[in-house]
Amino acid sequence: GHLLGWHRLLRQHRRDGILPDVPSSLEQLLLQHVD
């Protein structure tokens, strides 16, 4: 539900970007910080 709500706001405010700009993939972040 949170993902859906956040994404709806992104569609409404199309000029806005997503910060921070994270170079690592989601999979890499989870592997790196899982513990």
PDB file of all heavy atoms in Angstrom:
ATOM      1  N   GLY A   1       0.810  -1.220   0.000  1.00  0.00           N
ATOM      2  CA  GLY A   1       0.000   0.000   0.000  1.00  0.00           C
ATOM      3  C   GLY A   1       0.839   1.263   0.000  1.00  0.00           C
ATOM      4  O   GLY A   1       0.496   2.251  -0.645  1.00  0.00           O
ATOM      5  N   HIS A   2       1.952   1.229   0.764  1.00  0.00           N
ATOM      6  CA  HIS A   2       2.842   2.392   0.780  1.00  0.00           C
ATOM      7  C   HIS A   2       3.484   2.612  -0.584  1.00  0.00           C
ATOM      8  O   HIS A   2       3.578   3.743  -1.065  1.00  0.00           O
ATOM      9  CB  HIS A   2       3.924   2.204   1.848  1.00  0.00           C
ATOM     10  CG  HIS A   2       3.449   2.455   3.237  1.00  0.00           C
ATOM     11  ND1 HIS A   2       2.703   1.535   3.957  1.00  0.00           N
ATOM     12  CD2 HIS A   2       3.605   3.524   4.050  1.00  0.00           C
ATOM     13  CE1 HIS A   2       2.424   2.030   5.152  1.00  0.00           C
ATOM     14  NE2 HIS A   2       2.958   3.231   5.241  1.00  0.00           N
ATOM     15  N   LEU A   3       3.946   1.520  -1.207  1.00  0.00           N
ATOM     16  CA  LEU A   3       4.548   1.642  -2.536  1.00  0.00           C
ATOM     17  C   LEU A   3       3.552   2.235  -3.523  1.00  0.00           C
ATOM     18  O   LEU A   3       3.887   3.130  -4.304  1.00  0.00           O
ATOM     19  CB  LEU A   3       5.012   0.264  -3.020  1.00  0.00           C
ATOM     20  CG  LEU A   3       5.615   0.243  -4.428  1.00  0.00           C
ATOM     21  CD1 LEU A   3       6.980   0.912  -4.432  1.00  0.00           C
ATOM     22  CD2 LEU A   3       5.721  -1.187  -4.949  1.00  0.00           C
ATOM     23  N   LEU A   4       2.314   1.765  -3.465  1.00  0.00           N
ATOM     24  CA  LEU A   4       1.284   2.244  -4.379  1.00  0.00           C
ATOM     25  C   LEU A   4       1.011   3.733  -4.155  1.00  0.00           C
ATOM     26  O   LEU A   4       0.880   4.515  -5.110  1.00  0.00           O
ATOM     27  CB  LEU A   4       0.005   1.421  -4.178  1.00  0.00           C
ATOM     28  CG  LEU A   4      -1.099   1.562  -5.222  1.00  0.00           C
ATOM     29  CD1 LEU A   4      -0.615   1.077  -6.576  1.00  0.00           C
ATOM     30  CD2 LEU A   4      -2.339   0.770  -4.790  1.00  0.00           C
ATOM     31  N   GLY A   5       0.920   4.146  -2.890  1.00  0.00           N
ATOM     32  CA  GLY A   5       0.663   5.549  -2.581  1.00  0.00           C
ATOM     33  C   GLY A   5       1.795   6.457  -3.005  1.00  0.00           C
ATOM     34  O   GLY A   5       1.578   7.533  -3.569  1.00  0.00           O
ATOM     35  N   TRP A   6       3.036   6.034  -2.740  1.00  0.00           N
ATOM     36  CA  TRP A   6       4.190   6.836  -3.146  1.00  0.00           C
ATOM     37  C   TRP A   6       4.243   6.973  -4.667  1.00  0.00           C
ATOM     38  O   TRP A   6       4.540   8.043  -5.200  1.00  0.00           O
ATOM     39  CB  TRP A   6       5.480   6.183  -2.647  1.00  0.00           C
ATOM     40  CG  TRP A   6       5.631   6.190  -1.155  1.00  0.00           C
ATOM     41  CD1 TRP A   6       5.070   7.071  -0.279  1.00  0.00           C
ATOM     42  CD2 TRP A   6       6.370   5.261  -0.372  1.00  0.00           C
ATOM     43  NE1 TRP A   6       5.417   6.757   1.013  1.00  0.00           N
ATOM     44  CE2 TRP A   6       6.226   5.648   0.988  1.00  0.00           C
ATOM     45  CE3 TRP A   6       7.154   4.146  -0.669  1.00  0.00           C
ATOM     46  CZ2 TRP A   6       6.831   4.953   2.038  1.00  0.00           C
ATOM     47  CZ3 TRP A   6       7.763   3.457   0.378  1.00  0.00           C
ATOM     48  CH2 TRP A   6       7.601   3.855   1.705  1.00  0.00           C
ATOM     49  N   HIS A   7       3.960   5.872  -5.345  1.00  0.00           N
ATOM     50  CA  HIS A   7       4.025   5.903  -6.806  1.00  0.00           C
ATOM     51  C   HIS A   7       2.934   6.800  -7.384  1.00  0.00           C
ATOM     52  O   HIS A   7       3.143   7.484  -8.384  1.00  0.00           O
ATOM     53  CB  HIS A   7       3.891   4.484  -7.369  1.00  0.00           C
ATOM     54  CG  HIS A   7       4.176   4.402  -8.822  1.00  0.00           C
ATOM     55  ND1 HIS A   7       3.201   4.531  -9.778  1.00  0.00           N
ATOM     56  CD2 HIS A   7       5.349   4.240  -9.500  1.00  0.00           C
ATOM     57  CE1 HIS A   7       3.745   4.435 -10.975  1.00  0.00           C
ATOM     58  NE2 HIS A   7       5.044   4.255 -10.837  1.00  0.00           N
ATOM     59  N   ARG A   8       1.775   6.827  -6.755  1.00  0.00           N
ATOM     60  CA  ARG A   8       0.690   7.711  -7.222  1.00  0.00           C
ATOM     61  C   ARG A   8       1.121   9.172  -7.123  1.00  0.00           C
ATOM     62  O   ARG A   8       0.848   9.984  -8.011  1.00  0.00           O
ATOM     63  CB  ARG A   8      -0.571   7.463  -6.409  1.00  0.00           C
ATOM     64  CG  ARG A   8      -1.802   8.197  -6.945  1.00  0.00           C
ATOM     65  CD  ARG A   8      -3.049   7.843  -6.161  1.00  0.00           C
ATOM     66  NE  ARG A   8      -3.437   6.453  -6.359  1.00  0.00           N
ATOM     67  CZ  ARG A   8      -3.411   5.520  -5.411  1.00  0.00           C
ATOM     68  NH1 ARG A   8      -3.011   5.836  -4.179  1.00  0.00           N
ATOM     69  NH2 ARG A   8      -3.784   4.289  -5.663  1.00  0.00           N
ATOM     70  N   LEU A   9       1.828   9.515  -6.052  1.00  0.00           N
ATOM     71  CA  LEU A   9       2.335  10.887  -5.912  1.00  0.00           C
ATOM     72  C   LEU A   9       3.354  11.206  -6.999  1.00  0.00           C
ATOM     73  O   LEU A   9       3.385  12.323  -7.527  1.00  0.00           O
ATOM     74  CB  LEU A   9       2.973  11.065  -4.530  1.00  0.00           C
ATOM     75  CG  LEU A   9       2.012  11.165  -3.349  1.00  0.00           C
ATOM     76  CD1 LEU A   9       2.783  11.191  -2.037  1.00  0.00           C
ATOM     77  CD2 LEU A   9       1.126  12.395  -3.472  1.00  0.00           C
ATOM     78  N   LEU A  10       4.202  10.236  -7.335  1.00  0.00           N
ATOM     79  CA  LEU A  10       5.174  10.453  -8.406  1.00  0.00           C
ATOM     80  C   LEU A  10       4.487  10.734  -9.730  1.00  0.00           C
ATOM     81  O   LEU A  10       4.922  11.590 -10.509  1.00  0.00           O
ATOM     82  CB  LEU A  10       6.072   9.220  -8.555  1.00  0.00           C
ATOM     83  CG  LEU A  10       7.212   9.070  -7.556  1.00  0.00           C
ATOM     84  CD1 LEU A  10       7.919   7.732  -7.777  1.00  0.00           C
ATOM     85  CD2 LEU A  10       8.215  10.206  -7.703  1.00  0.00           C
ATOM     86  N   ARG A  11       3.394  10.046 -10.001  1.00  0.00           N
ATOM     87  CA  ARG A  11       2.684  10.262 -11.258  1.00  0.00           C
ATOM     88  C   ARG A  11       1.996  11.618 -11.280  1.00  0.00           C
ATOM     89  O   ARG A  11       1.839  12.232 -12.334  1.00  0.00           O
ATOM     90  CB  ARG A  11       1.654   9.150 -11.492  1.00  0.00           C
ATOM     91  CG  ARG A  11       2.261   7.772 -11.538  1.00  0.00           C
ATOM     92  CD  ARG A  11       1.419   6.777 -12.314  1.00  0.00           C
ATOM     93  NE  ARG A  11       0.010   6.775 -12.022  1.00  0.00           N
ATOM     94  CZ  ARG A  11      -0.566   6.042 -11.078  1.00  0.00           C
ATOM     95  NH1 ARG A  11       0.183   5.265 -10.298  1.00  0.00           N
ATOM     96  NH2 ARG A  11      -1.871   6.074 -10.900  1.00  0.00           N
ATOM     97  N   GLN A  12       1.588  12.088 -10.117  1.00  0.00           N
ATOM     98  CA  GLN A  12       0.921  13.396 -10.046  1.00  0.00           C
ATOM     99  C   GLN A  12       1.915  14.540 -10.155  1.00  0.00           C
ATOM    100  O   GLN A  12       1.566  15.622 -10.629  1.00  0.00           O
ATOM    101  CB  GLN A  12       0.141  13.499  -8.726  1.00  0.00           C
ATOM    102  CG  GLN A  12      -1.056  12.569  -8.653  1.00  0.00           C
ATOM    103  CD  GLN A  12      -1.681  12.553  -7.273  1.00  0.00           C
ATOM    104  OE1 GLN A  12      -1.133  13.121  -6.316  1.00  0.00           O
ATOM    105  NE2 GLN A  12      -2.821  11.893  -7.126  1.00  0.00           N
ATOM    106  N   HIS A  13       3.142  14.316  -9.707  1.00  0.00           N
ATOM    107  CA  HIS A  13       4.168  15.363  -9.723  1.00  0.00           C
ATOM    108  C   HIS A  13       5.307  14.889 -10.615  1.00  0.00           C
ATOM    109  O   HIS A  13       6.380  14.501 -10.150  1.00  0.00           O
ATOM    110  CB  HIS A  13       4.660  15.650  -8.299  1.00  0.00           C
ATOM    111  CG  HIS A  13       3.566  16.091  -7.377  1.00  0.00           C
ATOM    112  ND1 HIS A  13       3.112  17.380  -7.326  1.00  0.00           N
ATOM    113  CD2 HIS A  13       2.804  15.393  -6.498  1.00  0.00           C
ATOM    114  CE1 HIS A  13       2.134  17.477  -6.431  1.00  0.00           C
ATOM    115  NE2 HIS A  13       1.926  16.287  -5.929  1.00  0.00           N
ATOM    116  N   ARG A  14       5.058  14.959 -11.896  1.00  0.00           N
ATOM    117  CA  ARG A  14       5.955  14.344 -12.868  1.00  0.00           C
ATOM    118  C   ARG A  14       7.297  15.045 -12.975  1.00  0.00           C
ATOM    119  O   ARG A  14       8.277  14.451 -13.406  1.00  0.00           O
ATOM    120  CB  ARG A  14       5.269  14.320 -14.240  1.00  0.00           C
ATOM    121  CG  ARG A  14       4.054  13.410 -14.272  1.00  0.00           C
ATOM    122  CD  ARG A  14       3.077  13.818 -15.358  1.00  0.00           C
ATOM    123  NE  ARG A  14       3.702  13.942 -16.646  1.00  0.00           N
ATOM    124  CZ  ARG A  14       3.953  12.927 -17.464  1.00  0.00           C
ATOM    125  NH1 ARG A  14       3.627  11.716 -17.110  1.00  0.00           N
ATOM    126  NH2 ARG A  14       4.515  13.129 -18.635  1.00  0.00           N
ATOM    127  N   ARG A  15       7.350  16.307 -12.605  1.00  0.00           N
ATOM    128  CA  ARG A  15       8.634  17.027 -12.656  1.00  0.00           C
ATOM    129  C   ARG A  15       9.570  16.538 -11.554  1.00  0.00           C
ATOM    130  O   ARG A  15      10.792  16.594 -11.689  1.00  0.00           O
ATOM    131  CB  ARG A  15       8.388  18.532 -12.516  1.00  0.00           C
ATOM    132  CG  ARG A  15       9.662  19.352 -12.569  1.00  0.00           C
ATOM    133  CD  ARG A  15       9.366  20.795 -12.260  1.00  0.00           C
ATOM    134  NE  ARG A  15       8.798  21.484 -13.380  1.00  0.00           N
ATOM    135  CZ  ARG A  15       9.499  22.123 -14.305  1.00  0.00           C
ATOM    136  NH1 ARG A  15      10.812  22.101 -14.251  1.00  0.00           N
ATOM    137  NH2 ARG A  15       8.912  22.760 -15.284  1.00  0.00           N
ATOM    138  N   ASP A  16       9.008  16.065 -10.449  1.00  0.00           N
ATOM    139  CA  ASP A  16       9.822  15.662  -9.308  1.00  0.00           C
ATOM    140  C   ASP A  16      10.585  14.376  -9.603  1.00  0.00           C
ATOM    141  O   ASP A  16      10.066  13.457 -10.249  1.00  0.00           O
ATOM    142  CB  ASP A  16       8.944  15.454  -8.069  1.00  0.00           C
ATOM    143  CG  ASP A  16       8.259  16.728  -7.632  1.00  0.00           C
ATOM    144  OD1 ASP A  16       8.677  17.797  -8.104  1.00  0.00           O
ATOM    145  OD2 ASP A  16       7.316  16.654  -6.821  1.00  0.00           O
ATOM    146  N   GLY A  17      11.813  14.299  -9.119  1.00  0.00           N
ATOM    147  CA  GLY A  17      12.606  13.083  -9.246  1.00  0.00           C
ATOM    148  C   GLY A  17      12.649  12.332  -7.927  1.00  0.00           C
ATOM    149  O   GLY A  17      12.060  12.742  -6.924  1.00  0.00           O
ATOM    150  N   ILE A  18      13.333  11.205  -7.922  1.00  0.00           N
ATOM    151  CA  ILE A  18      13.465  10.388  -6.721  1.00  0.00           C
ATOM    152  C   ILE A  18      14.865  10.596  -6.165  1.00  0.00           C
ATOM    153  O   ILE A  18      15.866  10.382  -6.850  1.00  0.00           O
ATOM    154  CB  ILE A  18      13.243   8.897  -7.049  1.00  0.00           C
ATOM    155  CG1 ILE A  18      11.825   8.679  -7.594  1.00  0.00           C
ATOM    156  CG2 ILE A  18      13.459   8.032  -5.802  1.00  0.00           C
ATOM    157  CD1 ILE A  18      11.578   7.271  -8.103  1.00  0.00           C
ATOM    158  N   LEU A  19      14.922  11.055  -4.931  1.00  0.00           N
ATOM    159  CA  LEU A  19      16.200  11.286  -4.262  1.00  0.00           C
ATOM    160  C   LEU A  19      16.279  10.436  -3.005  1.00  0.00           C
ATOM    161  O   LEU A  19      15.264  10.187  -2.354  1.00  0.00           O
ATOM    162  CB  LEU A  19      16.346  12.774  -3.900  1.00  0.00           C
ATOM    163  CG  LEU A  19      16.428  13.735  -5.086  1.00  0.00           C
ATOM    164  CD1 LEU A  19      16.455  15.171  -4.584  1.00  0.00           C
ATOM    165  CD2 LEU A  19      17.654  13.450  -5.939  1.00  0.00           C
ATOM    166  N   PRO A  20      17.495   9.971  -2.652  1.00  0.00           N
ATOM    167  CA  PRO A  20      18.762  10.194  -3.360  1.00  0.00           C
ATOM    168  C   PRO A  20      18.876   9.318  -4.605  1.00  0.00           C
ATOM    169  O   PRO A  20      18.160   8.328  -4.754  1.00  0.00           O
ATOM    170  CB  PRO A  20      19.807   9.790  -2.317  1.00  0.00           C
ATOM    171  CG  PRO A  20      19.124   8.751  -1.501  1.00  0.00           C
ATOM    172  CD  PRO A  20      17.681   9.181  -1.420  1.00  0.00           C
ATOM    173  N   ASP A  21      19.782   9.703  -5.486  1.00  0.00           N
ATOM    174  CA  ASP A  21      20.062   8.913  -6.682  1.00  0.00           C
ATOM    175  C   ASP A  21      21.032   7.801  -6.292  1.00  0.00           C
ATOM    176  O   ASP A  21      22.219   8.034  -6.102  1.00  0.00           O
ATOM    177  CB  ASP A  21      20.669   9.807  -7.757  1.00  0.00           C
ATOM    178  CG  ASP A  21      20.914   9.058  -9.059  1.00  0.00           C
ATOM    179  OD1 ASP A  21      20.432   7.920  -9.181  1.00  0.00           O
ATOM    180  OD2 ASP A  21      21.582   9.612  -9.949  1.00  0.00           O
ATOM    181  N   VAL A  22      20.514   6.582  -6.148  1.00  0.00           N
ATOM    182  CA  VAL A  22      21.304   5.459  -5.626  1.00  0.00           C
ATOM    183  C   VAL A  22      21.818   4.627  -6.790  1.00  0.00           C
ATOM    184  O   VAL A  22      21.029   4.055  -7.544  1.00  0.00           O
ATOM    185  CB  VAL A  22      20.446   4.588  -4.690  1.00  0.00           C
ATOM    186  CG1 VAL A  22      21.297   3.468  -4.094  1.00  0.00           C
ATOM    187  CG2 VAL A  22      19.832   5.435  -3.589  1.00  0.00           C
ATOM    188  N   PRO A  23      23.155   4.514  -6.971  1.00  0.00           N
ATOM    189  CA  PRO A  23      23.695   3.769  -8.120  1.00  0.00           C
ATOM    190  C   PRO A  23      23.539   2.252  -7.995  1.00  0.00           C
ATOM    191  O   PRO A  23      23.411   1.551  -8.994  1.00  0.00           O
ATOM    192  CB  PRO A  23      25.168   4.173  -8.143  1.00  0.00           C
ATOM    193  CG  PRO A  23      25.481   4.577  -6.742  1.00  0.00           C
ATOM    194  CD  PRO A  23      24.229   5.161  -6.188  1.00  0.00           C
ATOM    195  N   SER A  24      23.566   1.726  -6.766  1.00  0.00           N
ATOM    196  CA  SER A  24      23.449   0.277  -6.576  1.00  0.00           C
ATOM    197  C   SER A  24      22.026  -0.180  -6.821  1.00  0.00           C
ATOM    198  O   SER A  24      21.058   0.551  -6.576  1.00  0.00           O
ATOM    199  CB  SER A  24      23.871  -0.106  -5.153  1.00  0.00           C
ATOM    200  OG  SER A  24      25.198   0.292  -4.900  1.00  0.00           O
ATOM    201  N   SER A  25      21.882  -1.431  -7.269  1.00  0.00           N
ATOM    202  CA  SER A  25      20.547  -1.991  -7.484  1.00  0.00           C
ATOM    203  C   SER A  25      19.937  -2.370  -6.143  1.00  0.00           C
ATOM    204  O   SER A  25      20.635  -2.475  -5.115  1.00  0.00           O
ATOM    205  CB  SER A  25      20.627  -3.219  -8.381  1.00  0.00           C
ATOM    206  OG  SER A  25      21.271  -4.290  -7.703  1.00  0.00           O
ATOM    207  N   LEU A  26      18.630  -2.607  -6.142  1.00  0.00           N
ATOM    208  CA  LEU A  26      17.942  -3.040  -4.925  1.00  0.00           C
ATOM    209  C   LEU A  26      18.531  -4.354  -4.423  1.00  0.00           C
ATOM    210  O   LEU A  26      18.750  -4.533  -3.215  1.00  0.00           O
ATOM    211  CB  LEU A  26      16.445  -3.183  -5.214  1.00  0.00           C
ATOM    212  CG  LEU A  26      15.570  -3.629  -4.039  1.00  0.00           C
ATOM    213  CD1 LEU A  26      15.632  -2.622  -2.906  1.00  0.00           C
ATOM    214  CD2 LEU A  26      14.125  -3.832  -4.503  1.00  0.00           C
ATOM    215  N   GLU A  27      18.796  -5.271  -5.332  1.00  0.00           N
ATOM    216  CA  GLU A  27      19.365  -6.572  -4.949  1.00  0.00           C
ATOM    217  C   GLU A  27      20.726  -6.394  -4.290  1.00  0.00           C
ATOM    218  O   GLU A  27      21.028  -7.018  -3.258  1.00  0.00           O
ATOM    219  CB  GLU A  27      19.478  -7.458  -6.187  1.00  0.00           C
ATOM    220  CG  GLU A  27      20.018  -8.857  -5.889  1.00  0.00           C
ATOM    221  CD  GLU A  27      20.138  -9.700  -7.145  1.00  0.00           C
ATOM    222  OE1 GLU A  27      20.050  -9.138  -8.246  1.00  0.00           O
ATOM    223  OE2 GLU A  27      20.322 -10.929  -7.017  1.00  0.00           O
ATOM    224  N   GLN A  28      21.562  -5.528  -4.853  1.00  0.00           N
ATOM    225  CA  GLN A  28      22.896  -5.289  -4.286  1.00  0.00           C
ATOM    226  C   GLN A  28      22.802  -4.668  -2.897  1.00  0.00           C
ATOM    227  O   GLN A  28      23.556  -5.034  -1.987  1.00  0.00           O
ATOM    228  CB  GLN A  28      23.696  -4.378  -5.213  1.00  0.00           C
ATOM    229  CG  GLN A  28      24.109  -5.032  -6.522  1.00  0.00           C
ATOM    230  CD  GLN A  28      24.697  -4.038  -7.506  1.00  0.00           C
ATOM    231  OE1 GLN A  28      24.392  -2.838  -7.454  1.00  0.00           O
ATOM    232  NE2 GLN A  28      25.531  -4.520  -8.420  1.00  0.00           N
ATOM    233  N   LEU A  29      21.892  -3.717  -2.725  1.00  0.00           N
ATOM    234  CA  LEU A  29      21.722  -3.075  -1.416  1.00  0.00           C
ATOM    235  C   LEU A  29      21.303  -4.080  -0.354  1.00  0.00           C
ATOM    236  O   LEU A  29      21.807  -4.062   0.780  1.00  0.00           O
ATOM    237  CB  LEU A  29      20.689  -1.954  -1.522  1.00  0.00           C
ATOM    238  CG  LEU A  29      21.114  -0.684  -2.264  1.00  0.00           C
ATOM    239  CD1 LEU A  29      19.919   0.237  -2.459  1.00  0.00           C
ATOM    240  CD2 LEU A  29      22.230   0.042  -1.517  1.00  0.00           C
ATOM    241  N   LEU A  30      20.380  -4.962  -0.697  1.00  0.00           N
ATOM    242  CA  LEU A  30      19.906  -5.953   0.272  1.00  0.00           C
ATOM    243  C   LEU A  30      21.010  -6.940   0.639  1.00  0.00           C
ATOM    244  O   LEU A  30      21.167  -7.302   1.819  1.00  0.00           O
ATOM    245  CB  LEU A  30      18.696  -6.686  -0.297  1.00  0.00           C
ATOM    246  CG  LEU A  30      17.402  -5.868  -0.375  1.00  0.00           C
ATOM    247  CD1 LEU A  30      16.328  -6.610  -1.144  1.00  0.00           C
ATOM    248  CD2 LEU A  30      16.900  -5.525   1.030  1.00  0.00           C
ATOM    249  N   LEU A  31      21.783  -7.385  -0.350  1.00  0.00           N
ATOM    250  CA  LEU A  31      22.883  -8.297  -0.072  1.00  0.00           C
ATOM    251  C   LEU A  31      23.941  -7.632   0.795  1.00  0.00           C
ATOM    252  O   LEU A  31      24.502  -8.243   1.716  1.00  0.00           O
ATOM    253  CB  LEU A  31      23.511  -8.765  -1.389  1.00  0.00           C
ATOM    254  CG  LEU A  31      22.721  -9.791  -2.198  1.00  0.00           C
ATOM    255  CD1 LEU A  31      23.379 -10.023  -3.546  1.00  0.00           C
ATOM    256  CD2 LEU A  31      22.619 -11.112  -1.427  1.00  0.00           C
ATOM    257  N   GLN A  32      24.201  -6.359   0.538  1.00  0.00           N
ATOM    258  CA  GLN A  32      25.259  -5.648   1.241  1.00  0.00           C
ATOM    259  C   GLN A  32      24.890  -5.353   2.692  1.00  0.00           C
ATOM    260  O   GLN A  32      25.753  -5.362   3.580  1.00  0.00           O
ATOM    261  CB  GLN A  32      25.559  -4.342   0.498  1.00  0.00           C
ATOM    262  CG  GLN A  32      26.697  -3.521   1.096  1.00  0.00           C
ATOM    263  CD  GLN A  32      26.942  -2.245   0.295  1.00  0.00           C
ATOM    264  OE1 GLN A  32      26.367  -2.035  -0.769  1.00  0.00           O
ATOM    265  NE2 GLN A  32      27.799  -1.374   0.821  1.00  0.00           N
ATOM    266  N   HIS A  33      23.607  -5.097   2.952  1.00  0.00           N
ATOM    267  CA  HIS A  33      23.196  -4.627   4.283  1.00  0.00           C
ATOM    268  C   HIS A  33      22.244  -5.583   4.995  1.00  0.00           C
ATOM    269  O   HIS A  33      21.627  -5.198   5.985  1.00  0.00           O
ATOM    270  CB  HIS A  33      22.523  -3.258   4.158  1.00  0.00           C
ATOM    271  CG  HIS A  33      23.388  -2.210   3.542  1.00  0.00           C
ATOM    272  ND1 HIS A  33      24.483  -1.665   4.179  1.00  0.00           N
ATOM    273  CD2 HIS A  33      23.335  -1.609   2.317  1.00  0.00           C
ATOM    274  CE1 HIS A  33      25.057  -0.758   3.394  1.00  0.00           C
ATOM    275  NE2 HIS A  33      24.381  -0.716   2.261  1.00  0.00           N
ATOM    276  N   VAL A  34      22.158  -6.820   4.548  1.00  0.00           N
ATOM    277  CA  VAL A  34      21.162  -7.728   5.101  1.00  0.00           C
ATOM    278  C   VAL A  34      21.351  -7.971   6.595  1.00  0.00           C
ATOM    279  O   VAL A  34      20.383  -8.218   7.321  1.00  0.00           O
ATOM    280  CB  VAL A  34      21.177  -9.069   4.319  1.00  0.00           C
ATOM    281  CG1 VAL A  34      22.470  -9.840   4.581  1.00  0.00           C
ATOM    282  CG2 VAL A  34      19.957  -9.921   4.673  1.00  0.00           C
ATOM    283  N   ASP A  35      22.585  -7.866   7.084  1.00  0.00           N
ATOM    284  CA  ASP A  35      22.854  -8.128   8.503  1.00  0.00           C
ATOM    285  C   ASP A  35      22.975  -6.855   9.338  1.00  0.00           C
ATOM    286  O   ASP A  35      23.413  -6.914  10.492  1.00  0.00           O
ATOM    287  CB  ASP A  35      24.150  -8.945   8.642  1.00  0.00           C
ATOM    288  CG  ASP A  35      23.996 -10.356   8.085  1.00  0.00           C
ATOM    289  OD1 ASP A  35      22.921 -10.951   8.301  1.00  0.00           O
ATOM    290  OD2 ASP A  35      24.935 -10.835   7.423  1.00  0.00           O
TER     291      ASP A  35
END
